[in-house]
All heavy atoms as atom14 arrays in JSON, in Angstrom:
{
  "sequence": "NEELQGFGERDYSEKEYDYRSWLSGFRLFLNIESELIVSSDF",
  "atom14_mask": [
    [1, 1, 1, 1, 1, 1, 1, 1, 0, 0, 0, 0, 0, 0],
    [1, 1, 1, 1, 1, 1, 1, 1, 1, 0, 0, 0, 0, 0],
    [1, 1, 1, 1, 1, 1, 1, 1, 1, 0, 0, 0, 0, 0],
    [1, 1, 1, 1, 1, 1, 1, 1, 0, 0, 0, 0, 0, 0],
    [1, 1, 1, 1, 1, 1, 1, 1, 1, 0, 0, 0, 0, 0],
    [1, 1, 1, 1, 0, 0, 0, 0, 0, 0, 0, 0, 0, 0],
    [1, 1, 1, 1, 1, 1, 1, 1, 1, 1, 1, 0, 0, 0],
    [1, 1, 1, 1, 0, 0, 0, 0, 0, 0, 0, 0, 0, 0],
    [1, 1, 1, 1, 1, 1, 1, 1, 1, 0, 0, 0, 0, 0],
    [1, 1, 1, 1, 1, 1, 1, 1, 1, 1, 1, 0, 0, 0],
    [1, 1, 1, 1, 1, 1, 1, 1, 0, 0, 0, 0, 0, 0],
    [1, 1, 1, 1, 1, 1, 1, 1, 1, 1, 1, 1, 0, 0],
    [1, 1, 1, 1, 1, 1, 0, 0, 0, 0, 0, 0, 0, 0],
    [1, 1, 1, 1, 1, 1, 1, 1, 1, 0, 0, 0, 0, 0],
    [1, 1, 1, 1, 1, 1, 1, 1, 1, 0, 0, 0, 0, 0],
    [1, 1, 1, 1, 1, 1, 1, 1, 1, 0, 0, 0, 0, 0],
    [1, 1, 1, 1, 1, 1, 1, 1, 1, 1, 1, 1, 0, 0],
    [1, 1, 1, 1, 1, 1, 1, 1, 0, 0, 0, 0, 0, 0],
    [1, 1, 1, 1, 1, 1, 1, 1, 1, 1, 1, 1, 0, 0],
    [1, 1, 1, 1, 1, 1, 1, 1, 1, 1, 1, 0, 0, 0],
    [1, 1, 1, 1, 1, 1, 0, 0, 0, 0, 0, 0, 0, 0],
    [1, 1, 1, 1, 1, 1, 1, 1, 1, 1, 1, 1, 1, 1],
    [1, 1, 1, 1, 1, 1, 1, 1, 0, 0, 0, 0, 0, 0],
    [1, 1, 1, 1, 1, 1, 0, 0, 0, 0, 0, 0, 0, 0],
    [1, 1, 1, 1, 0, 0, 0, 0, 0, 0, 0, 0, 0, 0],
    [1, 1, 1, 1, 1, 1, 1, 1, 1, 1, 1, 0, 0, 0],
    [1, 1, 1, 1, 1, 1, 1, 1, 1, 1, 1, 0, 0, 0],
    [1, 1, 1, 1, 1, 1, 1, 1, 0, 0, 0, 0, 0, 0],
    [1, 1, 1, 1, 1, 1, 1, 1, 1, 1, 1, 0, 0, 0],
    [1, 1, 1, 1, 1, 1, 1, 1, 0, 0, 0, 0, 0, 0],
    [1, 1, 1, 1, 1, 1, 1, 1, 0, 0, 0, 0, 0, 0],
    [1, 1, 1, 1, 1, 1, 1, 1, 0, 0, 0, 0, 0, 0],
    [1, 1, 1, 1, 1, 1, 1, 1, 1, 0, 0, 0, 0, 0],
    [1, 1, 1, 1, 1, 1, 0, 0, 0, 0, 0, 0, 0, 0],
    [1, 1, 1, 1, 1, 1, 1, 1, 1, 0, 0, 0, 0, 0],
    [1, 1, 1, 1, 1, 1, 1, 1, 0, 0, 0, 0, 0, 0],
    [1, 1, 1, 1, 1, 1, 1, 1, 0, 0, 0, 0, 0, 0],
    [1, 1, 1, 1, 1, 1, 1, 0, 0, 0, 0, 0, 0, 0],
    [1, 1, 1, 1, 1, 1, 0, 0, 0, 0, 0, 0, 0, 0],
    [1, 1, 1, 1, 1, 1, 0, 0, 0, 0, 0, 0, 0, 0],
    [1, 1, 1, 1, 1, 1, 1, 1, 0, 0, 0, 0, 0, 0],
    [1, 1, 1, 1, 1, 1, 1, 1, 1, 1, 1, 0, 0, 0]
  ],
  "atom14_positions": [
    [[-1.63, -8.32, -19.63], [-3.08, -8.12, -19.54], [-3.67, -8.58, -18.22], [-4.81, -8.27, -17.91], [-3.79, -8.84, -20.68], [-3.65, -8.09, -22.0], [-3.83, -6.88, -22.04], [-3.32, -8.79, -23.07], [0.0, 0.0, 0.0], [0.0, 0.0, 0.0], [0.0, 0.0, 0.0], [0.0, 0.0, 0.0], [0.0, 0.0, 0.0], [0.0, 0.0, 0.0]],
    [[-2.9, -9.33, -17.44], [-3.39, -9.8, -16.14], [-3.32, -8.7, -15.09], [-2.55, -7.74, -15.22], [-2.54, -10.98, -15.65], [-2.77, -12.28, -16.41], [-1.84, -13.38, -15.92], [-0.85, -13.04, -15.23], [-2.09, -14.55, -16.23], [0.0, 0.0, 0.0], [0.0, 0.0, 0.0], [0.0, 0.0, 0.0], [0.0, 0.0, 0.0], [0.0, 0.0, 0.0]],
    [[-4.11, -8.86, -14.03], [-3.96, -7.98, -12.88], [-2.7, -8.38, -12.12], [-2.39, -9.56, -12.0], [-5.18, -8.09, -11.95], [-6.41, -7.42, -12.5], [-7.49, -7.31, -11.44], [-7.17, -7.43, -10.24], [-8.65, -7.1, -11.82], [0.0, 0.0, 0.0], [0.0, 0.0, 0.0], [0.0, 0.0, 0.0], [0.0, 0.0, 0.0], [0.0, 0.0, 0.0]],
    [[-1.99, -7.37, -11.6], [-0.76, -7.67, -10.86], [-1.09, -8.39, -9.56], [-2.06, -8.05, -8.86], [-0.01, -6.37, -10.55], [0.75, -5.74, -11.71], [1.36, -4.42, -11.28], [1.84, -6.67, -12.2], [0.0, 0.0, 0.0], [0.0, 0.0, 0.0], [0.0, 0.0, 0.0], [0.0, 0.0, 0.0], [0.0, 0.0, 0.0], [0.0, 0.0, 0.0]],
    [[-0.29, -9.37, -9.23], [-0.46, -10.1, -7.98], [0.54, -9.59, -6.96], [1.73, -9.52, -7.24], [-0.24, -11.6, -8.21], [-1.21, -12.21, -9.2], [-2.65, -12.1, -8.73], [-2.96, -12.37, -7.58], [-3.54, -11.69, -9.64], [0.0, 0.0, 0.0], [0.0, 0.0, 0.0], [0.0, 0.0, 0.0], [0.0, 0.0, 0.0], [0.0, 0.0, 0.0]],
    [[0.03, -9.22, -5.79], [0.91, -8.72, -4.74], [1.33, -9.82, -3.79], [1.31, -11.0, -4.12], [0.0, 0.0, 0.0], [0.0, 0.0, 0.0], [0.0, 0.0, 0.0], [0.0, 0.0, 0.0], [0.0, 0.0, 0.0], [0.0, 0.0, 0.0], [0.0, 0.0, 0.0], [0.0, 0.0, 0.0], [0.0, 0.0, 0.0], [0.0, 0.0, 0.0]],
    [[1.71, -9.38, -2.6], [2.18, -10.34, -1.6], [1.05, -10.84, -0.7], [1.24, -11.68, 0.15], [3.24, -9.71, -0.7], [4.27, -8.92, -1.45], [4.49, -7.59, -1.16], [5.02, -9.51, -2.45], [5.43, -6.87, -1.85], [5.97, -8.8, -3.14], [6.18, -7.47, -2.85], [0.0, 0.0, 0.0], [0.0, 0.0, 0.0], [0.0, 0.0, 0.0]],
    [[-0.14, -10.27, -0.88], [-1.23, -10.58, 0.04], [-1.4, -9.44, 1.04], [-0.47, -8.71, 1.34], [0.0, 0.0, 0.0], [0.0, 0.0, 0.0], [0.0, 0.0, 0.0], [0.0, 0.0, 0.0], [0.0, 0.0, 0.0], [0.0, 0.0, 0.0], [0.0, 0.0, 0.0], [0.0, 0.0, 0.0], [0.0, 0.0, 0.0], [0.0, 0.0, 0.0]],
    [[-2.6, -9.26, 1.52], [-2.89, -8.17, 2.44], [-2.1, -8.32, 3.74], [-1.99, -9.42, 4.29], [-4.39, -8.13, 2.75], [-5.26, -7.74, 1.55], [-5.06, -6.3, 1.13], [-4.99, -5.43, 2.01], [-4.98, -6.04, -0.08], [0.0, 0.0, 0.0], [0.0, 0.0, 0.0], [0.0, 0.0, 0.0], [0.0, 0.0, 0.0], [0.0, 0.0, 0.0]],
    [[-1.56, -7.21, 4.21], [-0.86, -7.22, 5.5], [-1.86, -7.07, 6.64], [-2.92, -6.47, 6.49], [0.15, -6.06, 5.54], [1.18, -6.08, 4.41], [2.25, -7.11, 4.66], [3.21, -7.16, 3.57], [4.43, -6.65, 3.64], [4.84, -6.04, 4.73], [5.25, -6.76, 2.61], [0.0, 0.0, 0.0], [0.0, 0.0, 0.0], [0.0, 0.0, 0.0]],
    [[-1.49, -7.6, 7.79], [-2.37, -7.54, 8.96], [-1.96, -6.35, 9.82], [-1.04, -6.45, 10.63], [-2.28, -8.85, 9.76], [-3.27, -8.88, 10.92], [-4.24, -8.09, 10.87], [-3.07, -9.67, 11.85], [0.0, 0.0, 0.0], [0.0, 0.0, 0.0], [0.0, 0.0, 0.0], [0.0, 0.0, 0.0], [0.0, 0.0, 0.0], [0.0, 0.0, 0.0]],
    [[-2.63, -5.21, 9.63], [-2.33, -4.01, 10.39], [-3.4, -3.77, 11.44], [-4.57, -4.11, 11.25], [-2.28, -2.79, 9.47], [-1.18, -2.81, 8.43], [-1.48, -2.78, 7.07], [0.16, -2.83, 8.8], [-0.48, -2.79, 6.12], [1.16, -2.83, 7.85], [0.84, -2.82, 6.52], [1.84, -2.82, 5.57], [0.0, 0.0, 0.0], [0.0, 0.0, 0.0]],
    [[-2.99, -3.15, 12.54], [-3.98, -2.67, 13.5], [-4.75, -1.52, 12.84], [-4.32, -0.96, 11.84], [-3.29, -2.17, 14.77], [-2.52, -1.01, 14.47], [0.0, 0.0, 0.0], [0.0, 0.0, 0.0], [0.0, 0.0, 0.0], [0.0, 0.0, 0.0], [0.0, 0.0, 0.0], [0.0, 0.0, 0.0], [0.0, 0.0, 0.0], [0.0, 0.0, 0.0]],
    [[-5.89, -1.19, 13.42], [-6.71, -0.12, 12.83], [-5.94, 1.2, 12.77], [-5.99, 1.91, 11.76], [-7.99, 0.06, 13.66], [-8.92, 1.12, 13.08], [-10.19, 1.26, 13.88], [-10.42, 0.45, 14.8], [-10.96, 2.2, 13.6], [0.0, 0.0, 0.0], [0.0, 0.0, 0.0], [0.0, 0.0, 0.0], [0.0, 0.0, 0.0], [0.0, 0.0, 0.0]],
    [[-5.21, 1.5, 13.83], [-4.44, 2.75, 13.88], [-3.33, 2.75, 12.83], [-3.12, 3.74, 12.12], [-3.85, 2.92, 15.28], [-3.16, 4.25, 15.5], [-2.72, 4.39, 16.95], [-2.04, 5.74, 17.18], [-1.59, 5.88, 18.59], [0.0, 0.0, 0.0], [0.0, 0.0, 0.0], [0.0, 0.0, 0.0], [0.0, 0.0, 0.0], [0.0, 0.0, 0.0]],
    [[-2.62, 1.61, 12.73], [-1.54, 1.51, 11.75], [-2.1, 1.55, 10.32], [-1.51, 2.16, 9.43], [-0.77, 0.2, 11.97], [0.4, -0.02, 11.03], [1.63, 0.82, 11.4], [1.58, 1.52, 12.43], [2.62, 0.75, 10.66], [0.0, 0.0, 0.0], [0.0, 0.0, 0.0], [0.0, 0.0, 0.0], [0.0, 0.0, 0.0], [0.0, 0.0, 0.0]],
    [[-3.24, 0.91, 10.12], [-3.85, 0.9, 8.8], [-4.22, 2.32, 8.36], [-3.97, 2.71, 7.22], [-5.09, 0.01, 8.8], [-5.75, -0.13, 7.44], [-5.39, -1.16, 6.58], [-6.71, 0.79, 7.02], [-5.96, -1.28, 5.31], [-7.29, 0.68, 5.76], [-6.91, -0.35, 4.92], [-7.48, -0.45, 3.68], [0.0, 0.0, 0.0], [0.0, 0.0, 0.0]],
    [[-4.8, 3.08, 9.27], [-5.19, 4.47, 8.96], [-3.97, 5.3, 8.57], [-4.01, 6.09, 7.61], [-5.9, 5.11, 10.14], [-7.28, 4.53, 10.37], [-7.8, 3.86, 9.46], [-7.83, 4.72, 11.48], [0.0, 0.0, 0.0], [0.0, 0.0, 0.0], [0.0, 0.0, 0.0], [0.0, 0.0, 0.0], [0.0, 0.0, 0.0], [0.0, 0.0, 0.0]],
    [[-2.89, 5.11, 9.32], [-1.66, 5.87, 9.06], [-1.09, 5.51, 7.68], [-0.8, 6.39, 6.86], [-0.64, 5.58, 10.16], [0.75, 6.1, 9.89], [0.97, 7.44, 9.61], [1.85, 5.25, 9.94], [2.25, 7.92, 9.37], [3.14, 5.73, 9.7], [3.33, 7.06, 9.42], [4.59, 7.53, 9.18], [0.0, 0.0, 0.0], [0.0, 0.0, 0.0]],
    [[-0.97, 4.24, 7.4], [-0.37, 3.82, 6.13], [-1.29, 4.13, 4.95], [-0.81, 4.47, 3.85], [-0.01, 2.34, 6.19], [1.14, 2.04, 7.15], [1.52, 0.59, 7.21], [2.62, 0.38, 8.13], [3.91, 0.47, 7.82], [4.25, 0.77, 6.57], [4.84, 0.28, 8.71], [0.0, 0.0, 0.0], [0.0, 0.0, 0.0], [0.0, 0.0, 0.0]],
    [[-2.57, 4.02, 5.14], [-3.51, 4.38, 4.08], [-3.4, 5.86, 3.75], [-3.45, 6.26, 2.58], [-4.94, 4.04, 4.53], [-5.88, 4.5, 3.58], [0.0, 0.0, 0.0], [0.0, 0.0, 0.0], [0.0, 0.0, 0.0], [0.0, 0.0, 0.0], [0.0, 0.0, 0.0], [0.0, 0.0, 0.0], [0.0, 0.0, 0.0], [0.0, 0.0, 0.0]],
    [[-3.23, 6.67, 4.76], [-3.06, 8.13, 4.59], [-1.8, 8.42, 3.8], [-1.81, 9.23, 2.86], [-3.01, 8.77, 5.97], [-2.94, 10.25, 6.01], [-3.98, 11.14, 5.96], [-1.76, 11.03, 6.16], [-3.5, 12.42, 6.05], [-2.14, 12.39, 6.18], [-0.4, 10.72, 6.28], [-1.23, 13.42, 6.31], [0.51, 11.75, 6.41], [0.1, 13.07, 6.43]],
    [[-0.7, 7.75, 4.12], [0.55, 7.95, 3.39], [0.42, 7.52, 1.94], [0.93, 8.17, 1.03], [1.69, 7.17, 4.05], [2.14, 7.61, 5.45], [3.27, 6.72, 5.93], [2.57, 9.07, 5.44], [0.0, 0.0, 0.0], [0.0, 0.0, 0.0], [0.0, 0.0, 0.0], [0.0, 0.0, 0.0], [0.0, 0.0, 0.0], [0.0, 0.0, 0.0]],
    [[-0.28, 6.4, 1.72], [-0.46, 5.9, 0.36], [-1.23, 6.9, -0.49], [-0.91, 7.1, -1.67], [-1.19, 4.56, 0.39], [-1.46, 4.09, -0.91], [0.0, 0.0, 0.0], [0.0, 0.0, 0.0], [0.0, 0.0, 0.0], [0.0, 0.0, 0.0], [0.0, 0.0, 0.0], [0.0, 0.0, 0.0], [0.0, 0.0, 0.0], [0.0, 0.0, 0.0]],
    [[-2.23, 7.53, 0.11], [-3.03, 8.51, -0.63], [-2.21, 9.67, -1.14], [-2.49, 10.22, -2.22], [0.0, 0.0, 0.0], [0.0, 0.0, 0.0], [0.0, 0.0, 0.0], [0.0, 0.0, 0.0], [0.0, 0.0, 0.0], [0.0, 0.0, 0.0], [0.0, 0.0, 0.0], [0.0, 0.0, 0.0], [0.0, 0.0, 0.0], [0.0, 0.0, 0.0]],
    [[-1.18, 10.05, -0.39], [-0.31, 11.16, -0.8], [0.95, 10.67, -1.51], [1.81, 11.47, -1.88], [0.1, 11.98, 0.43], [-1.02, 12.8, 1.02], [-1.59, 12.44, 2.24], [-1.5, 13.91, 0.36], [-2.62, 13.19, 2.79], [-2.54, 14.66, 0.9], [-3.1, 14.3, 2.12], [0.0, 0.0, 0.0], [0.0, 0.0, 0.0], [0.0, 0.0, 0.0]],
    [[1.09, 9.36, -1.68], [2.27, 8.74, -2.29], [3.54, 9.25, -1.6], [4.42, 9.85, -2.23], [2.32, 9.01, -3.79], [1.25, 8.26, -4.55], [1.65, 7.95, -5.97], [1.65, 9.11, -6.83], [0.59, 9.57, -7.49], [-0.57, 8.97, -7.34], [0.68, 10.59, -8.28], [0.0, 0.0, 0.0], [0.0, 0.0, 0.0], [0.0, 0.0, 0.0]],
    [[3.64, 8.96, -0.3], [4.77, 9.43, 0.49], [5.66, 8.3, 0.99], [6.58, 8.55, 1.78], [4.27, 10.27, 1.68], [3.76, 11.67, 1.34], [3.13, 12.32, 2.55], [4.88, 12.55, 0.8], [0.0, 0.0, 0.0], [0.0, 0.0, 0.0], [0.0, 0.0, 0.0], [0.0, 0.0, 0.0], [0.0, 0.0, 0.0], [0.0, 0.0, 0.0]],
    [[5.41, 7.06, 0.57], [6.28, 5.96, 0.98], [7.6, 6.0, 0.21], [7.64, 6.39, -0.97], [5.6, 4.61, 0.74], [4.57, 4.24, 1.76], [3.25, 4.08, 1.39], [4.92, 4.06, 3.08], [2.29, 3.74, 2.32], [3.97, 3.73, 4.03], [2.65, 3.57, 3.66], [0.0, 0.0, 0.0], [0.0, 0.0, 0.0], [0.0, 0.0, 0.0]],
    [[8.66, 5.58, 0.87], [9.96, 5.43, 0.2], [9.98, 4.05, -0.44], [10.63, 3.12, 0.03], [11.1, 5.59, 1.21], [11.29, 7.0, 1.77], [12.37, 7.01, 2.83], [11.61, 7.99, 0.67], [0.0, 0.0, 0.0], [0.0, 0.0, 0.0], [0.0, 0.0, 0.0], [0.0, 0.0, 0.0], [0.0, 0.0, 0.0], [0.0, 0.0, 0.0]],
    [[9.23, 3.94, -1.51], [9.01, 2.67, -2.17], [8.59, 2.99, -3.59], [7.52, 3.56, -3.81], [7.92, 1.91, -1.41], [7.45, 0.68, -2.15], [8.04, 0.25, -3.12], [6.35, 0.11, -1.68], [0.0, 0.0, 0.0], [0.0, 0.0, 0.0], [0.0, 0.0, 0.0], [0.0, 0.0, 0.0], [0.0, 0.0, 0.0], [0.0, 0.0, 0.0]],
    [[9.43, 2.68, -4.55], [9.21, 3.1, -5.92], [7.92, 2.54, -6.5], [7.23, 3.18, -7.29], [10.42, 2.71, -6.8], [10.5, 3.59, -8.05], [10.42, 1.24, -7.14], [11.04, 4.95, -7.81], [0.0, 0.0, 0.0], [0.0, 0.0, 0.0], [0.0, 0.0, 0.0], [0.0, 0.0, 0.0], [0.0, 0.0, 0.0], [0.0, 0.0, 0.0]],
    [[7.53, 1.33, -6.06], [6.33, 0.7, -6.6], [5.06, 1.42, -6.17], [4.02, 1.32, -6.83], [6.24, -0.77, -6.18], [7.29, -1.67, -6.82], [8.59, -1.71, -6.03], [8.76, -0.88, -5.11], [9.43, -2.57, -6.33], [0.0, 0.0, 0.0], [0.0, 0.0, 0.0], [0.0, 0.0, 0.0], [0.0, 0.0, 0.0], [0.0, 0.0, 0.0]],
    [[5.12, 2.14, -5.05], [3.92, 2.82, -4.56], [3.51, 3.98, -5.46], [2.44, 4.57, -5.27], [4.12, 3.32, -3.13], [5.16, 4.28, -3.06], [0.0, 0.0, 0.0], [0.0, 0.0, 0.0], [0.0, 0.0, 0.0], [0.0, 0.0, 0.0], [0.0, 0.0, 0.0], [0.0, 0.0, 0.0], [0.0, 0.0, 0.0], [0.0, 0.0, 0.0]],
    [[4.35, 4.33, -6.45], [3.92, 5.29, -7.47], [2.74, 4.75, -8.26], [1.94, 5.51, -8.79], [5.08, 5.57, -8.45], [6.2, 6.4, -7.9], [5.73, 7.78, -7.48], [5.13, 8.48, -8.3], [5.96, 8.14, -6.32], [0.0, 0.0, 0.0], [0.0, 0.0, 0.0], [0.0, 0.0, 0.0], [0.0, 0.0, 0.0], [0.0, 0.0, 0.0]],
    [[2.65, 3.42, -8.34], [1.69, 2.8, -9.24], [0.63, 1.98, -8.54], [-0.48, 1.84, -9.03], [2.44, 1.87, -10.21], [3.63, 2.49, -10.95], [4.42, 1.4, -11.66], [3.14, 3.53, -11.93], [0.0, 0.0, 0.0], [0.0, 0.0, 0.0], [0.0, 0.0, 0.0], [0.0, 0.0, 0.0], [0.0, 0.0, 0.0], [0.0, 0.0, 0.0]],
    [[0.97, 1.39, -7.4], [0.1, 0.4, -6.77], [-0.3, 0.9, -5.39], [0.54, 1.16, -4.54], [0.82, -0.96, -6.65], [1.34, -1.39, -8.03], [-0.12, -2.0, -6.07], [2.23, -2.6, -7.99], [0.0, 0.0, 0.0], [0.0, 0.0, 0.0], [0.0, 0.0, 0.0], [0.0, 0.0, 0.0], [0.0, 0.0, 0.0], [0.0, 0.0, 0.0]],
    [[-1.61, 1.03, -5.16], [-2.11, 1.54, -3.89], [-2.41, 0.42, -2.9], [-2.8, 0.68, -1.77], [-3.37, 2.41, -4.09], [-3.04, 3.63, -4.91], [-4.48, 1.6, -4.75], [0.0, 0.0, 0.0], [0.0, 0.0, 0.0], [0.0, 0.0, 0.0], [0.0, 0.0, 0.0], [0.0, 0.0, 0.0], [0.0, 0.0, 0.0], [0.0, 0.0, 0.0]],
    [[-2.24, -0.83, -3.31], [-2.51, -1.96, -2.44], [-1.65, -1.89, -1.19], [-0.5, -1.44, -1.21], [-2.24, -3.27, -3.19], [-2.19, -4.35, -2.29], [0.0, 0.0, 0.0], [0.0, 0.0, 0.0], [0.0, 0.0, 0.0], [0.0, 0.0, 0.0], [0.0, 0.0, 0.0], [0.0, 0.0, 0.0], [0.0, 0.0, 0.0], [0.0, 0.0, 0.0]],
    [[-2.2, -2.39, -0.08], [-1.45, -2.37, 1.18], [-0.22, -3.26, 1.13], [0.64, -3.18, 2.01], [-2.36, -2.8, 2.34], [-2.82, -4.13, 2.17], [0.0, 0.0, 0.0], [0.0, 0.0, 0.0], [0.0, 0.0, 0.0], [0.0, 0.0, 0.0], [0.0, 0.0, 0.0], [0.0, 0.0, 0.0], [0.0, 0.0, 0.0], [0.0, 0.0, 0.0]],
    [[-0.11, -4.1, 0.1], [1.11, -4.91, -0.09], [2.35, -4.02, -0.13], [3.44, -4.44, 0.26], [1.07, -5.66, -1.43], [-0.1, -6.62, -1.52], [-1.01, -6.5, -0.7], [-0.08, -7.47, -2.41], [0.0, 0.0, 0.0], [0.0, 0.0, 0.0], [0.0, 0.0, 0.0], [0.0, 0.0, 0.0], [0.0, 0.0, 0.0], [0.0, 0.0, 0.0]],
    [[2.18, -2.81, -0.63], [3.31, -1.94, -0.9], [3.35, -0.73, 0.04], [3.97, 0.28, -0.27], [3.26, -1.47, -2.36], [3.38, -2.61, -3.33], [2.23, -3.24, -3.81], [4.6, -3.08, -3.75], [2.31, -4.31, -4.69], [4.7, -4.15, -4.64], [3.55, -4.76, -5.1], [0.0, 0.0, 0.0], [0.0, 0.0, 0.0], [0.0, 0.0, 0.0]]
  ]
}
């Protein structure tokens, strides 16, 4: 029932953040957890 705890927000540059946020929106990371969690932790 608790909210999942991640690793903490990563420190990305603005350009890197935009790129990774875009990939997360399409679920294109090679990371099984990103199917479920949109946090930048993953």
